[in-house]
C-alpha atoms as a PDB file:
ATOM      1  CA  MET A   1      49.359  -1.130   3.633  1.00  0.00           C
ATOM      2  CA  LYS A   2      46.158  -2.624   4.980  1.00  0.00           C
ATOM      3  CA  GLU A   3      43.081  -0.952   3.653  1.00  0.00           C
ATOM      4  CA  LYS A   4      40.468   0.059   6.200  1.00  0.00           C
ATOM      5  CA  GLY A   5      36.971  -1.275   5.750  1.00  0.00           C
ATOM      6  CA  MET A   6      34.223   1.140   4.880  1.00  0.00           C
ATOM      7  CA  PRO A   7      31.962   1.805   7.882  1.00  0.00           C
ATOM      8  CA  ILE A   8      28.327   0.940   7.231  1.00  0.00           C
ATOM      9  CA  TYR A   9      25.504   2.746   8.955  1.00  0.00           C
ATOM     10  CA  VAL A  10      21.916   1.529   9.141  1.00  0.00           C
ATOM     11  CA  TYR A  11      19.467   4.393   9.222  1.00  0.00           C
ATOM     12  CA  ASN A  12      16.086   3.789  10.797  1.00  0.00           C
ATOM     13  CA  ILE A  13      13.899   5.931   8.561  1.00  0.00           C
ATOM     14  CA  ASP A  14      10.212   5.048   8.620  1.00  0.00           C
ATOM     15  CA  GLU A  15       7.569   6.700   6.476  1.00  0.00           C
ATOM     16  CA  ILE A  16       5.253   6.517   9.478  1.00  0.00           C
ATOM     17  CA  PRO A  17       6.851   7.373  12.856  1.00  0.00           C
ATOM     18  CA  LYS A  18       6.895   4.427  15.248  1.00  0.00           C
ATOM     19  CA  GLU A  19       5.313   6.643  17.905  1.00  0.00           C
ATOM     20  CA  SER A  20       2.271   6.991  15.645  1.00  0.00           C
ATOM     21  CA  LEU A  21       2.067   3.251  14.983  1.00  0.00           C
ATOM     22  CA  LYS A  22       1.774   2.490  18.698  1.00  0.00           C
ATOM     23  CA  HIS A  23      -1.527   4.359  18.825  1.00  0.00           C
ATOM     24  CA  MET A  24      -3.041   2.570  15.831  1.00  0.00           C
ATOM     25  CA  LYS A  25      -4.464  -0.378  17.768  1.00  0.00           C
ATOM     26  CA  SER A  26      -5.935  -0.932  21.205  1.00  0.00           C
ATOM     27  CA  ASN A  27      -6.128  -4.723  21.204  1.00  0.00           C
ATOM     28  CA  ARG A  28      -3.148  -7.065  21.010  1.00  0.00           C
ATOM     29  CA  PHE A  29      -4.999  -9.333  18.579  1.00  0.00           C
ATOM     30  CA  ALA A  30      -5.472  -6.530  16.057  1.00  0.00           C
ATOM     31  CA  PRO A  31      -2.881  -6.406  13.242  1.00  0.00           C
ATOM     32  CA  ASP A  32       0.018  -3.982  13.527  1.00  0.00           C
ATOM     33  CA  TRP A  33      -0.283  -0.894  11.365  1.00  0.00           C
ATOM     34  CA  PRO A  34       0.143  -0.753   8.418  1.00  0.00           C
ATOM     35  CA  PHE A  35      -1.265  -4.136   7.406  1.00  0.00           C
ATOM     36  CA  ARG A  36      -2.616  -5.960   4.347  1.00  0.00           C
ATOM     37  CA  LEU A  37      -5.335  -8.364   5.432  1.00  0.00           C
ATOM     38  CA  LEU A  38      -7.045 -11.129   3.441  1.00  0.00           C
ATOM     39  CA  VAL A  39     -10.177 -12.707   4.965  1.00  0.00           C
ATOM     40  CA  THR A  40     -11.797 -15.740   3.307  1.00  0.00           C
ATOM     41  CA  GLY A  41     -14.816 -17.851   4.184  1.00  0.00           C
ATOM     42  CA  GLY A  42     -18.100 -19.165   2.833  1.00  0.00           C
ATOM     43  CA  SER A  43     -21.485 -17.509   3.214  1.00  0.00           C
ATOM     44  CA  HIS A  44     -22.593 -17.122   6.844  1.00  0.00           C
ATOM     45  CA  SER A  45     -19.070 -17.908   8.091  1.00  0.00           C
ATOM     46  CA  ARG A  46     -19.036 -14.568   9.968  1.00  0.00           C
ATOM     47  CA  LYS A  47     -15.966 -13.294   8.172  1.00  0.00           C
ATOM     48  CA  THR A  48     -17.532  -9.835   7.846  1.00  0.00           C
ATOM     49  CA  ASN A  49     -18.428  -9.910  11.550  1.00  0.00           C
ATOM     50  CA  MET A  50     -14.755 -10.310  12.411  1.00  0.00           C
ATOM     51  CA  VAL A  51     -13.766  -7.334  10.256  1.00  0.00           C
ATOM     52  CA  ILE A  52     -16.495  -5.171  11.791  1.00  0.00           C
ATOM     53  CA  ASN A  53     -15.429  -6.196  15.290  1.00  0.00           C
ATOM     54  CA  LEU A  54     -11.869  -5.086  14.535  1.00  0.00           C
ATOM     55  CA  ILE A  55     -13.149  -1.761  13.231  1.00  0.00           C
ATOM     56  CA  LEU A  56     -15.652  -0.982  16.010  1.00  0.00           C
ATOM     57  CA  GLY A  57     -13.998  -2.764  18.928  1.00  0.00           C
ATOM     58  CA  ASN A  58     -15.865  -2.375  22.213  1.00  0.00           C
ATOM     59  CA  LYS A  59     -16.379   1.372  21.899  1.00  0.00           C
ATOM     60  CA  LEU A  60     -20.046   1.454  20.870  1.00  0.00           C
ATOM     61  CA  GLN A  61     -21.149  -1.055  23.501  1.00  0.00           C
ATOM     62  CA  ARG A  62     -19.241   0.738  26.260  1.00  0.00           C
ATOM     63  CA  MET A  63     -20.567   4.144  25.184  1.00  0.00           C
ATOM     64  CA  ILE A  64     -24.117   2.835  25.619  1.00  0.00           C
ATOM     65  CA  LYS A  65     -23.184   2.037  29.223  1.00  0.00           C
ATOM     66  CA  GLY A  66     -21.589   5.455  29.730  1.00  0.00           C
ATOM     67  CA  LYS A  67     -18.068   4.057  29.692  1.00  0.00           C
ATOM     68  CA  LYS A  68     -15.074   4.761  27.482  1.00  0.00           C
ATOM     69  CA  GLY A  69     -14.128   2.062  24.983  1.00  0.00           C
ATOM     70  CA  ASP A  70     -11.809   1.673  22.020  1.00  0.00           C
ATOM     71  CA  ARG A  71     -11.914   0.735  18.374  1.00  0.00           C
ATOM     72  CA  TYR A  72      -9.400  -2.083  17.929  1.00  0.00           C
ATOM     73  CA  ILE A  73      -8.060  -0.605  14.682  1.00  0.00           C
ATOM     74  CA  LYS A  74      -7.842   3.128  15.284  1.00  0.00           C
ATOM     75  CA  ASN A  75      -7.812   4.495  11.738  1.00  0.00           C
ATOM     76  CA  ASP A  76      -9.143   7.947  10.871  1.00  0.00           C
ATOM     77  CA  ASP A  77     -10.970   7.219   7.623  1.00  0.00           C
ATOM     78  CA  LEU A  78     -12.846   4.076   6.567  1.00  0.00           C
ATOM     79  CA  ILE A  79     -13.782   3.321   2.948  1.00  0.00           C
ATOM     80  CA  LEU A  80     -16.019   0.391   2.006  1.00  0.00           C
ATOM     81  CA  VAL A  81     -15.858  -0.842  -1.586  1.00  0.00           C
ATOM     82  CA  GLY A  82     -18.485  -3.311  -2.727  1.00  0.00           C
ATOM     83  CA  LYS A  83     -21.258  -4.041  -5.176  1.00  0.00           C
ATOM     84  CA  HIS A  84     -23.767  -5.296  -2.627  1.00  0.00           C
ATOM     85  CA  ALA A  85     -22.540  -4.352   0.848  1.00  0.00           C
ATOM     86  CA  GLU A  86     -24.052  -6.395   3.668  1.00  0.00           C
ATOM     87  CA  PRO A  87     -26.726  -4.573   5.752  1.00  0.00           C
ATOM     88  CA  LYS A  88     -24.530  -4.927   8.844  1.00  0.00           C
ATOM     89  CA  TRP A  89     -22.243  -2.236   7.400  1.00  0.00           C
ATOM     90  CA  LYS A  90     -25.057   0.211   8.177  1.00  0.00           C
ATOM     91  CA  LEU A  91     -24.220  -0.378  11.847  1.00  0.00           C
ATOM     92  CA  VAL A  92     -20.641   0.682  11.130  1.00  0.00           C
ATOM     93  CA  LYS A  93     -21.819   3.781   9.275  1.00  0.00           C
ATOM     94  CA  ASN A  94     -24.114   4.765  12.152  1.00  0.00           C
ATOM     95  CA  ALA A  95     -21.427   4.051  14.752  1.00  0.00           C
ATOM     96  CA  PHE A  96     -18.871   6.202  12.940  1.00  0.00           C
ATOM     97  CA  HIS A  97     -21.464   9.001  12.750  1.00  0.00           C
ATOM     98  CA  ILE A  98     -22.006   8.723  16.506  1.00  0.00           C
ATOM     99  CA  PHE A  99     -18.271   8.714  17.242  1.00  0.00           C
ATOM    100  CA  ALA A 100     -17.657  11.691  14.953  1.00  0.00           C
ATOM    101  CA  ASN A 101     -20.421  13.774  16.542  1.00  0.00           C
ATOM    102  CA  SER A 102     -20.000  12.878  20.208  1.00  0.00           C
ATOM    103  CA  PRO A 103     -18.460  15.205  22.812  1.00  0.00           C
ATOM    104  CA  ASP A 104     -15.265  14.356  24.674  1.00  0.00           C
ATOM    105  CA  PRO A 105     -14.140  11.843  25.766  1.00  0.00           C
ATOM    106  CA  TYR A 106     -16.053   9.836  23.131  1.00  0.00           C
ATOM    107  CA  GLY A 107     -15.686  12.069  20.072  1.00  0.00           C
ATOM    108  CA  GLU A 108     -13.234  11.289  17.267  1.00  0.00           C
ATOM    109  CA  ASN A 109     -12.315  13.044  14.038  1.00  0.00           C
ATOM    110  CA  ILE A 110     -13.177  10.075  11.812  1.00  0.00           C
ATOM    111  CA  SER A 111     -15.133   9.429   8.604  1.00  0.00           C
ATOM    112  CA  PHE A 112     -16.902   6.590   6.772  1.00  0.00           C
ATOM    113  CA  GLN A 113     -17.807   6.379   3.102  1.00  0.00           C
ATOM    114  CA  THR A 114     -18.880   3.750   0.574  1.00  0.00           C
ATOM    115  CA  ILE A 115     -17.930   3.619  -3.097  1.00  0.00           C
ATOM    116  CA  LYS A 116     -18.830   1.302  -5.958  1.00  0.00           C
ATOM    117  CA  ALA A 117     -16.208  -1.090  -7.303  1.00  0.00           C
ATOM    118  CA  GLU A 118     -16.023   0.738 -10.629  1.00  0.00           C
ATOM    119  CA  LYS A 119     -15.248   3.976  -8.756  1.00  0.00           C
ATOM    120  CA  ILE A 120     -12.109   2.724  -6.975  1.00  0.00           C
ATOM    121  CA  PRO A 121      -9.664   5.634  -7.193  1.00  0.00           C
ATOM    122  CA  ASP A 122      -6.226   5.230  -8.716  1.00  0.00           C
ATOM    123  CA  ILE A 123      -3.961   4.964  -5.676  1.00  0.00           C
ATOM    124  CA  SER A 124      -1.481   7.370  -7.258  1.00  0.00           C
ATOM    125  CA  LYS A 125      -4.261   9.966  -7.165  1.00  0.00           C
ATOM    126  CA  PHE A 126      -5.522   8.944  -3.747  1.00  0.00           C
ATOM    127  CA  SER A 127      -5.191  11.963  -1.522  1.00  0.00           C
ATOM    128  CA  PRO A 128      -5.934  11.544   2.190  1.00  0.00           C
ATOM    129  CA  LYS A 129      -7.344  14.628   3.907  1.00  0.00           C
ATOM    130  CA  SER A 130      -4.020  14.953   5.677  1.00  0.00           C
ATOM    131  CA  PRO A 131      -0.697  13.047   5.441  1.00  0.00           C
ATOM    132  CA  LYS A 132      -1.084  12.285   9.133  1.00  0.00           C
ATOM    133  CA  ARG A 133      -4.479  10.611   8.666  1.00  0.00           C
ATOM    134  CA  SER A 134      -4.769   6.845   8.322  1.00  0.00           C
ATOM    135  CA  THR A 135      -7.181   4.984   6.053  1.00  0.00           C
ATOM    136  CA  VAL A 136      -8.620   1.461   6.084  1.00  0.00           C
ATOM    137  CA  ILE A 137     -10.171   0.423   2.769  1.00  0.00           C
ATOM    138  CA  VAL A 138     -12.321  -2.724   2.758  1.00  0.00           C
ATOM    139  CA  PHE A 139     -12.926  -4.583  -0.511  1.00  0.00           C
ATOM    140  CA  GLU A 140     -16.067  -6.616   0.219  1.00  0.00           C
ATOM    141  CA  ASP A 141     -16.817  -9.690  -1.937  1.00  0.00           C
ATOM    142  CA  ILE A 142     -15.689  -8.279  -5.268  1.00  0.00           C
ATOM    143  CA  CYS A 143     -13.319 -11.023  -6.469  1.00  0.00           C
ATOM    144  CA  ALA A 144     -15.806 -11.781  -9.273  1.00  0.00           C
ATOM    145  CA  GLU A 145     -15.464  -8.255 -10.620  1.00  0.00           C
ATOM    146  CA  SER A 146     -13.642  -7.601 -13.885  1.00  0.00           C
ATOM    147  CA  LYS A 147      -9.894  -7.866 -14.360  1.00  0.00           C
ATOM    148  CA  LYS A 148      -9.784  -4.090 -14.768  1.00  0.00           C
ATOM    149  CA  ILE A 149     -11.236  -3.600 -11.278  1.00  0.00           C
ATOM    150  CA  GLN A 150      -8.867  -6.182  -9.750  1.00  0.00           C
ATOM    151  CA  GLU A 151      -5.956  -4.309 -11.310  1.00  0.00           C
ATOM    152  CA  ARG A 152      -7.119  -1.157  -9.534  1.00  0.00           C
ATOM    153  CA  ILE A 153      -7.135  -3.017  -6.208  1.00  0.00           C
ATOM    154  CA  VAL A 154      -3.639  -4.510  -6.538  1.00  0.00           C
ATOM    155  CA  PRO A 155      -1.695  -1.253  -5.886  1.00  0.00           C
ATOM    156  CA  TYR A 156      -3.413  -0.887  -2.497  1.00  0.00           C
ATOM    157  CA  PHE A 157      -1.733  -4.139  -1.422  1.00  0.00           C
ATOM    158  CA  ILE A 158       1.615  -3.291  -2.991  1.00  0.00           C
ATOM    159  CA  SER A 159       2.119   0.353  -2.055  1.00  0.00           C
ATOM    160  CA  GLY A 160      -0.797   1.385   0.166  1.00  0.00           C
ATOM    161  CA  ARG A 161       1.505   1.848   3.141  1.00  0.00           C
ATOM    162  CA  HIS A 162       3.175   4.780   1.379  1.00  0.00           C
ATOM    163  CA  GLN A 163      -0.125   6.642   1.678  1.00  0.00           C
ATOM    164  CA  ASN A 164      -0.829   5.350   5.189  1.00  0.00           C
ATOM    165  CA  ILE A 165      -3.494   2.970   3.846  1.00  0.00           C
ATOM    166  CA  SER A 166      -4.228  -0.531   5.153  1.00  0.00           C
ATOM    167  CA  PRO A 167      -6.387  -2.649   2.788  1.00  0.00           C
ATOM    168  CA  ILE A 168      -8.708  -5.530   3.727  1.00  0.00           C
ATOM    169  CA  TYR A 169      -9.908  -7.980   1.039  1.00  0.00           C
ATOM    170  CA  VAL A 170     -12.971 -10.010   2.100  1.00  0.00           C
ATOM    171  CA  THR A 171     -14.058 -12.892  -0.133  1.00  0.00           C
ATOM    172  CA  GLN A 172     -15.254 -16.508  -0.167  1.00  0.00           C
ATOM    173  CA  LYS A 173     -12.378 -18.438  -1.752  1.00  0.00           C
ATOM    174  CA  TYR A 174      -8.638 -17.939  -1.256  1.00  0.00           C
ATOM    175  CA  GLN A 175      -7.865 -19.359  -4.691  1.00  0.00           C
ATOM    176  CA  ALA A 176     -10.174 -16.815  -6.362  1.00  0.00           C
ATOM    177  CA  VAL A 177      -8.087 -13.893  -5.102  1.00  0.00           C
ATOM    178  CA  PRO A 178      -5.595 -12.528  -7.660  1.00  0.00           C
ATOM    179  CA  LYS A 179      -2.194 -14.124  -7.026  1.00  0.00           C
ATOM    180  CA  ILE A 180      -0.361 -10.810  -6.725  1.00  0.00           C
ATOM    181  CA  ILE A 181      -2.697  -9.782  -3.886  1.00  0.00           C
ATOM    182  CA  ARG A 182      -2.197 -13.125  -2.101  1.00  0.00           C
ATOM    183  CA  GLU A 183       1.570 -12.707  -2.378  1.00  0.00           C
ATOM    184  CA  ASN A 184       1.501  -9.257  -0.790  1.00  0.00           C
ATOM    185  CA  ILE A 185      -0.699  -9.818   2.262  1.00  0.00           C
ATOM    186  CA  SER A 186       0.681  -9.438   5.768  1.00  0.00           C
ATOM    187  CA  HIS A 187      -2.187 -11.291   7.505  1.00  0.00           C
ATOM    188  CA  LEU A 188      -4.503 -14.119   6.440  1.00  0.00           C
ATOM    189  CA  VAL A 189      -7.715 -15.258   8.169  1.00  0.00           C
ATOM    190  CA  MET A 190      -9.563 -18.323   6.835  1.00  0.00           C
ATOM    191  CA  PHE A 191     -13.068 -19.218   8.007  1.00  0.00           C
ATOM    192  CA  ARG A 192     -15.021 -22.380   7.216  1.00  0.00           C
ATOM    193  CA  GLY A 193     -15.984 -22.661   3.589  1.00  0.00           C
ATOM    194  CA  SER A 194     -12.672 -21.217   2.398  1.00  0.00           C
ATOM    195  CA  GLY A 195     -12.061 -24.407   0.412  1.00  0.00           C
ATOM    196  CA  SER A 196     -11.603 -28.156   0.801  1.00  0.00           C
ATOM    197  CA  ARG A 197      -9.288 -29.588   3.454  1.00  0.00           C
ATOM    198  CA  GLU A 198      -6.690 -30.228   0.750  1.00  0.00           C
ATOM    199  CA  ASP A 199      -6.998 -26.649  -0.510  1.00  0.00           C
ATOM    200  CA  ILE A 200      -6.501 -25.230   2.972  1.00  0.00           C
ATOM    201  CA  CYS A 201      -3.509 -27.511   3.625  1.00  0.00           C
ATOM    202  CA  ARG A 202      -1.881 -26.260   0.427  1.00  0.00           C
ATOM    203  CA  VAL A 203      -2.366 -22.686   1.603  1.00  0.00           C
ATOM    204  CA  VAL A 204      -1.058 -23.395   5.113  1.00  0.00           C
ATOM    205  CA  ARG A 205       2.055 -25.118   3.716  1.00  0.00           C
ATOM    206  CA  GLN A 206       3.126 -21.759   2.324  1.00  0.00           C
ATOM    207  CA  TYR A 207       3.536 -20.533   5.897  1.00  0.00           C
ATOM    208  CA  THR A 208       4.633 -23.649   7.828  1.00  0.00           C
ATOM    209  CA  ASP A 209       6.465 -26.936   7.184  1.00  0.00           C
ATOM    210  CA  ASP A 210       3.941 -28.939   9.192  1.00  0.00           C
ATOM    211  CA  PRO A 211       0.327 -27.791   8.660  1.00  0.00           C
ATOM    212  CA  LYS A 212      -0.907 -30.414  11.172  1.00  0.00           C
ATOM    213  CA  LYS A 213       0.644 -28.366  13.972  1.00  0.00           C
ATOM    214  CA  ARG A 214      -1.496 -25.355  13.125  1.00  0.00           C
END
């Protein structure tokens, strides 16, 4: 007697509904949600500018002209972690305040806060205001912080998606980033000053067989 094979079913069960993910970005160049982004580059390489552009999009500029714009990453809550945050983050803080207190069609239920590196919350105790809310947490130039602080950052790159969190790690050198964070990123952006040509080629080889084509 021939034994019948066991039928196998593949269940599409996402922690975050796909319908929700579609509304998380308004620009095709923005990363799909949830993401884990590493941005490297030397001083004055404009790496922070890129992150801020993703966060603010064209909304502020279009509001000034009386038009409706969009933030390219449409998260609800933004947390900035850093020892010495660049002054340009004040623009982000002010913009989020404007967006949060504007009438329709410009108003959004969003928030912005800054915390010191030593105050990074344990992700297991991280409690968003609502399970439906999304959070971007930016770690700004803190790769020189203690091992204890780096260990607090790691879980955001390993399991942040379970809490609807997308982390961004901004630093000068790729090689200075803890290996476990580098191994768990979904997107990598390298600006000038990220390392020598040989260093960058070694990094690129992890993602392509022929770095000269990139």
